Amino acid sequence: MPLEGSVAVAVERQAGARLRLGVPVTLLVVAGAGWWWSFRMADDMPGVMDPSMADMAMGHSLSLLAFTVAWVAMMAAMMFPAISPVVRLYGLAAAKGRVAPLPFFVAAYLAVWGAMAVPSYVAWQRLEAPIAGGASWAGRLAGGVLLTAAVWQLSPLKSVCLRHCRSPLSFFMQYGSGAARRFGAFRMGAAHGLFCLGCCSALMAVLVAMGTMNLAWMAVLTGLIFLEKTAPSGERIAVVGAAALACTGVLLLLRPALITTLT
């Protein structure tokens, strides 16, 4: 092999090694920043246990812009560890010049989830004080959302979306056409974001119903999302998650006052 070829191969291998380490580390750093920001937002919004303070709680509600920033930070915290395989694969292709730079792919993914901030904000404004005050209807609503999420976990559409999320190479081969251009890369990231939305939208509804800035529920749902997308038995874990969601939902329907304990 000519010297120039050997150098090129060595440089490519070094770049690949850096990406294999750098991409997951970067995603974990961003996820860590998301968790840090979520902790800050949770501290800024203490629970209001007295229903008579509901009006005061609403007065301290975040603006849509501030909520959107917090929501995107939460999505980065919860989703980035689970999507690291596809991002790492895309990064390797980007290093070889086969696709557009990685930020275009990731930006589209975040844009899809960022769009969900608006309906989540509306729901959060309506539910913040009732959840904190232990309103019975809020407990029953949360129970209904949990049961709906359990059914969604077992649905065929969830299975289709989960298979795409669990097979980065298959997704890349199906949706990588045109990714060498920036718009194509953005479109590919949006496609992956939509599949992820199909997987996890019901779980995000659970998060909103149980108190959007609830760190304990964030941690539980993050663990479920990570395992069902990356563990060898991820599809079975999704079924186990459905059973846990269903049991909790039934409990809240029977005893809605438990909403204050669970949040």
Protein backbone atom coordinates (compact mmCIF):
# COMPACT_ATOMS: atom_id res chain seq x y z
CA MET A 1 0.00 0.00 0.00
CA PRO A 2 1.43 3.46 -0.89
CA LEU A 3 2.50 5.67 1.99
CA GLU A 4 -0.28 8.18 1.26
CA GLY A 5 -2.86 5.40 1.42
CA SER A 6 -1.51 4.10 4.71
CA VAL A 7 -1.62 7.58 6.22
CA ALA A 8 -5.17 8.10 5.00
CA VAL A 9 -6.29 4.79 6.51
CA ALA A 10 -4.57 5.62 9.81
CA VAL A 11 -6.19 9.06 9.93
CA GLU A 12 -9.59 7.54 9.17
CA ARG A 13 -9.19 4.97 11.93
CA GLN A 14 -8.18 7.67 14.42
CA ALA A 15 -11.17 9.77 13.43
CA GLY A 16 -13.44 6.73 13.82
CA ALA A 17 -12.00 5.96 17.24
CA ARG A 18 -12.54 9.54 18.36
CA LEU A 19 -16.13 9.44 17.16
CA ARG A 20 -16.86 6.11 18.80
CA LEU A 21 -15.77 7.63 22.10
CA GLY A 22 -16.60 11.27 21.50
CA VAL A 23 -20.21 10.98 20.34
CA PRO A 24 -21.51 9.03 23.37
CA VAL A 25 -19.47 11.22 25.71
CA THR A 26 -20.89 14.37 24.10
CA LEU A 27 -24.43 13.01 24.30
CA LEU A 28 -23.94 12.12 27.95
CA VAL A 29 -22.58 15.60 28.65
CA VAL A 30 -25.60 17.18 26.96
CA ALA A 31 -27.92 14.80 28.82
CA GLY A 32 -26.15 15.70 32.06
CA ALA A 33 -26.68 19.38 31.31
CA GLY A 34 -30.35 18.60 30.70
CA TRP A 35 -30.63 16.87 34.07
CA TRP A 36 -28.86 19.79 35.75
CA TRP A 37 -31.28 22.26 34.19
CA SER A 38 -34.24 20.06 35.14
CA PHE A 39 -33.04 20.02 38.75
CA ARG A 40 -32.85 23.82 38.65
CA MET A 41 -36.35 24.13 37.24
CA ALA A 42 -37.73 21.65 39.79
CA ASP A 43 -36.19 23.69 42.60
CA ASP A 44 -37.75 26.86 41.19
CA MET A 45 -41.22 25.27 41.19
CA PRO A 46 -41.86 23.80 44.64
CA GLY A 47 -45.01 21.74 45.06
CA VAL A 48 -48.11 23.49 46.35
CA MET A 49 -49.76 21.08 48.76
CA ASP A 50 -52.59 23.40 49.86
CA PRO A 51 -55.39 23.68 47.24
CA SER A 52 -56.16 27.17 48.52
CA MET A 53 -52.78 28.26 47.09
CA ALA A 54 -53.66 27.20 43.53
CA ASP A 55 -54.02 30.78 42.28
CA MET A 56 -50.60 31.64 43.69
CA ALA A 57 -49.09 28.59 42.00
CA MET A 58 -50.53 29.63 38.67
CA GLY A 59 -49.08 33.07 39.18
CA HIS A 60 -45.62 31.52 39.35
CA SER A 61 -46.08 29.57 36.11
CA LEU A 62 -43.34 29.75 33.54
CA SER A 63 -43.71 31.56 30.24
CA LEU A 64 -44.02 29.45 27.10
CA LEU A 65 -40.44 30.31 26.11
CA ALA A 66 -39.02 29.33 29.50
CA PHE A 67 -41.08 26.13 29.52
CA THR A 68 -39.88 25.26 26.00
CA VAL A 69 -36.25 25.64 27.08
CA ALA A 70 -36.92 23.43 30.10
CA TRP A 71 -38.80 20.89 27.96
CA VAL A 72 -35.99 20.60 25.39
CA ALA A 73 -33.51 20.19 28.23
CA MET A 74 -35.65 17.39 29.66
CA MET A 75 -35.87 15.69 26.27
CA ALA A 76 -32.10 15.85 25.92
CA ALA A 77 -31.71 14.43 29.42
CA MET A 78 -34.17 11.59 28.85
CA MET A 79 -33.64 10.70 25.19
CA PHE A 80 -29.99 11.26 24.31
CA PRO A 81 -28.59 8.19 26.11
CA ALA A 82 -31.12 5.99 24.28
CA ILE A 83 -30.40 7.41 20.81
CA SER A 84 -26.61 7.25 21.12
CA PRO A 85 -26.32 4.18 18.80
CA VAL A 86 -27.93 5.90 15.80
CA VAL A 87 -26.15 9.19 16.48
CA ARG A 88 -22.81 7.38 16.72
CA LEU A 89 -23.50 5.59 13.43
CA TYR A 90 -24.43 8.87 11.76
CA GLY A 91 -21.32 10.50 13.18
CA LEU A 92 -19.10 7.82 11.67
CA ALA A 93 -20.73 8.35 8.27
CA ALA A 94 -20.29 12.12 8.65
CA ALA A 95 -16.59 11.68 9.44
CA LYS A 96 -16.18 9.86 6.12
CA GLY A 97 -17.99 12.63 4.26
CA ARG A 98 -20.93 10.43 3.29
CA VAL A 99 -23.55 12.54 5.06
CA ALA A 100 -23.92 16.15 6.15
CA PRO A 101 -22.46 17.24 9.52
CA LEU A 102 -23.95 15.64 12.63
CA PRO A 103 -25.54 18.83 14.12
CA PHE A 104 -28.12 18.91 11.27
CA PHE A 105 -29.32 15.43 12.22
CA VAL A 106 -29.48 16.15 15.95
CA ALA A 107 -31.11 19.57 15.45
CA ALA A 108 -34.01 17.97 13.56
CA TYR A 109 -34.47 15.39 16.31
CA LEU A 110 -34.69 18.13 18.93
CA ALA A 111 -37.03 20.17 16.71
CA VAL A 112 -39.54 17.31 16.64
CA TRP A 113 -39.52 16.99 20.41
CA GLY A 114 -39.40 20.76 20.88
CA ALA A 115 -42.68 21.05 18.96
CA MET A 116 -44.30 18.96 21.69
CA ALA A 117 -43.54 21.71 24.19
CA VAL A 118 -46.64 23.70 23.20
CA PRO A 119 -49.33 21.09 24.01
CA SER A 120 -47.30 20.02 27.05
CA TYR A 121 -47.20 23.63 28.26
CA VAL A 122 -50.98 23.98 27.97
CA ALA A 123 -51.51 20.73 29.90
CA TRP A 124 -48.92 21.66 32.52
CA GLN A 125 -50.58 25.03 33.18
CA ARG A 126 -53.93 23.32 33.75
CA LEU A 127 -52.54 20.49 35.90
CA GLU A 128 -49.77 22.10 37.96
CA ALA A 129 -51.92 23.33 40.86
CA PRO A 130 -54.50 20.47 40.89
CA ILE A 131 -51.75 17.83 41.04
CA ALA A 132 -49.92 19.67 43.81
CA GLY A 133 -53.21 20.15 45.68
CA GLY A 134 -54.22 16.49 45.35
CA ALA A 135 -57.43 17.13 43.42
CA SER A 136 -59.37 13.90 42.90
CA TRP A 137 -60.03 14.60 39.22
CA ALA A 138 -56.30 15.12 38.64
CA GLY A 139 -55.59 11.72 40.21
CA ARG A 140 -58.21 10.02 38.06
CA LEU A 141 -56.93 11.80 34.97
CA ALA A 142 -53.41 10.61 35.73
CA GLY A 143 -54.75 7.08 36.20
CA GLY A 144 -56.45 7.24 32.82
CA VAL A 145 -53.28 8.52 31.16
CA LEU A 146 -51.26 5.71 32.73
CA LEU A 147 -53.73 3.09 31.47
CA THR A 148 -53.69 4.65 28.00
CA ALA A 149 -49.90 4.56 28.01
CA ALA A 150 -49.99 0.90 29.02
CA VAL A 151 -52.25 0.09 26.06
CA TRP A 152 -49.98 2.10 23.74
CA GLN A 153 -46.96 0.14 24.95
CA LEU A 154 -48.61 -3.01 23.58
CA SER A 155 -49.91 -1.50 20.33
CA PRO A 156 -48.66 -2.52 16.85
CA LEU A 157 -47.65 1.08 16.06
CA LYS A 158 -45.49 1.23 19.16
CA SER A 159 -43.83 -2.02 18.07
CA VAL A 160 -43.09 -0.64 14.60
CA CYS A 161 -41.58 2.55 16.00
CA LEU A 162 -39.57 0.63 18.58
CA ARG A 163 -38.10 -1.66 15.93
CA HIS A 164 -36.85 1.36 13.99
CA CYS A 165 -35.33 2.83 17.15
CA ARG A 166 -33.67 -0.49 18.05
CA SER A 167 -32.10 -1.00 14.60
CA PRO A 168 -29.89 2.00 13.76
CA LEU A 169 -28.33 0.39 10.69
CA SER A 170 -31.71 -0.61 9.26
CA PHE A 171 -33.04 2.91 9.88
CA PHE A 172 -29.94 4.42 8.27
CA MET A 173 -30.34 2.27 5.15
CA GLN A 174 -34.04 3.13 4.80
CA TYR A 175 -33.92 6.84 5.53
CA GLY A 176 -30.34 7.84 4.72
CA SER A 177 -31.04 8.72 1.09
CA GLY A 178 -30.15 12.35 0.49
CA ALA A 179 -28.45 12.75 3.87
CA ALA A 180 -25.30 14.02 2.13
CA ARG A 181 -27.15 17.33 1.80
CA ARG A 182 -28.00 19.41 4.82
CA PHE A 183 -31.74 19.33 4.22
CA GLY A 184 -31.58 15.57 3.71
CA ALA A 185 -29.73 15.17 7.00
CA PHE A 186 -32.32 17.33 8.74
CA ARG A 187 -35.11 15.28 7.18
CA MET A 188 -33.45 12.06 8.33
CA GLY A 189 -33.15 13.40 11.88
CA ALA A 190 -36.80 14.44 11.80
CA ALA A 191 -37.78 10.93 10.68
CA HIS A 192 -35.90 9.40 13.58
CA GLY A 193 -37.44 11.94 15.93
CA LEU A 194 -40.92 10.98 14.73
CA PHE A 195 -40.25 7.28 15.28
CA CYS A 196 -38.98 8.14 18.74
CA LEU A 197 -42.10 10.22 19.29
CA GLY A 198 -44.19 7.20 18.32
CA CYS A 199 -42.29 5.13 20.87
CA CYS A 200 -42.36 7.56 23.75
CA SER A 201 -45.18 10.09 23.33
CA ALA A 202 -47.46 8.16 25.69
CA LEU A 203 -44.69 8.06 28.28
CA MET A 204 -44.24 11.82 27.94
CA ALA A 205 -47.99 12.20 28.52
CA VAL A 206 -47.49 10.22 31.74
CA LEU A 207 -44.73 12.63 32.74
CA VAL A 208 -47.04 15.62 32.21
CA ALA A 209 -49.94 13.95 34.04
CA MET A 210 -47.71 13.14 37.03
CA GLY A 211 -46.12 16.58 37.23
CA THR A 212 -43.93 17.72 34.36
CA MET A 213 -40.89 18.63 36.45
CA ASN A 214 -41.12 15.53 38.65
CA LEU A 215 -37.54 14.25 38.76
CA ALA A 216 -38.46 10.83 40.14
CA TRP A 217 -40.83 10.13 37.25
CA MET A 218 -38.26 11.53 34.83
CA ALA A 219 -35.71 9.02 36.13
CA VAL A 220 -38.13 6.07 35.98
CA LEU A 221 -39.27 6.86 32.44
CA THR A 222 -35.70 7.53 31.28
CA GLY A 223 -34.69 4.09 32.51
CA LEU A 224 -37.63 2.45 30.73
CA ILE A 225 -36.92 4.30 27.46
CA PHE A 226 -33.22 3.46 27.59
CA LEU A 227 -33.78 -0.24 28.29
CA GLU A 228 -36.52 -0.83 25.75
CA LYS A 229 -34.43 0.84 23.03
CA THR A 230 -31.00 -0.58 23.78
CA ALA A 231 -31.29 -3.77 25.88
CA PRO A 232 -31.27 -7.15 24.07
CA SER A 233 -34.75 -7.92 25.45
CA GLY A 234 -36.05 -4.39 24.94
CA GLU A 235 -39.42 -5.42 23.50
CA ARG A 236 -40.13 -7.60 26.54
CA ILE A 237 -39.10 -4.73 28.80
CA ALA A 238 -41.70 -2.56 27.03
CA VAL A 239 -44.34 -5.16 27.98
CA VAL A 240 -43.16 -5.18 31.60
CA GLY A 241 -43.37 -1.38 31.55
CA ALA A 242 -46.94 -1.63 30.27
CA ALA A 243 -47.89 -3.88 33.19
CA ALA A 244 -46.35 -1.47 35.71
CA LEU A 245 -48.12 1.50 34.12
CA ALA A 246 -51.45 -0.36 34.12
CA CYS A 247 -51.18 -1.31 37.79
CA THR A 248 -50.34 2.25 38.81
CA GLY A 249 -53.16 3.59 36.65
CA VAL A 250 -55.74 1.29 38.23
CA LEU A 251 -54.47 2.25 41.69
CA LEU A 252 -54.95 5.94 40.92
CA LEU A 253 -58.42 5.39 39.53
CA LEU A 254 -59.42 3.59 42.72
CA ARG A 255 -57.61 5.98 45.08
CA PRO A 256 -57.03 9.29 43.28
CA ALA A 257 -55.76 10.95 46.46
CA LEU A 258 -52.54 8.93 46.00
CA ILE A 259 -51.54 11.43 43.32
CA THR A 260 -49.85 13.51 46.02
CA THR A 261 -47.86 10.50 47.23
CA LEU A 262 -46.80 9.45 43.74
CA THR A 263 -45.73 12.93 42.74
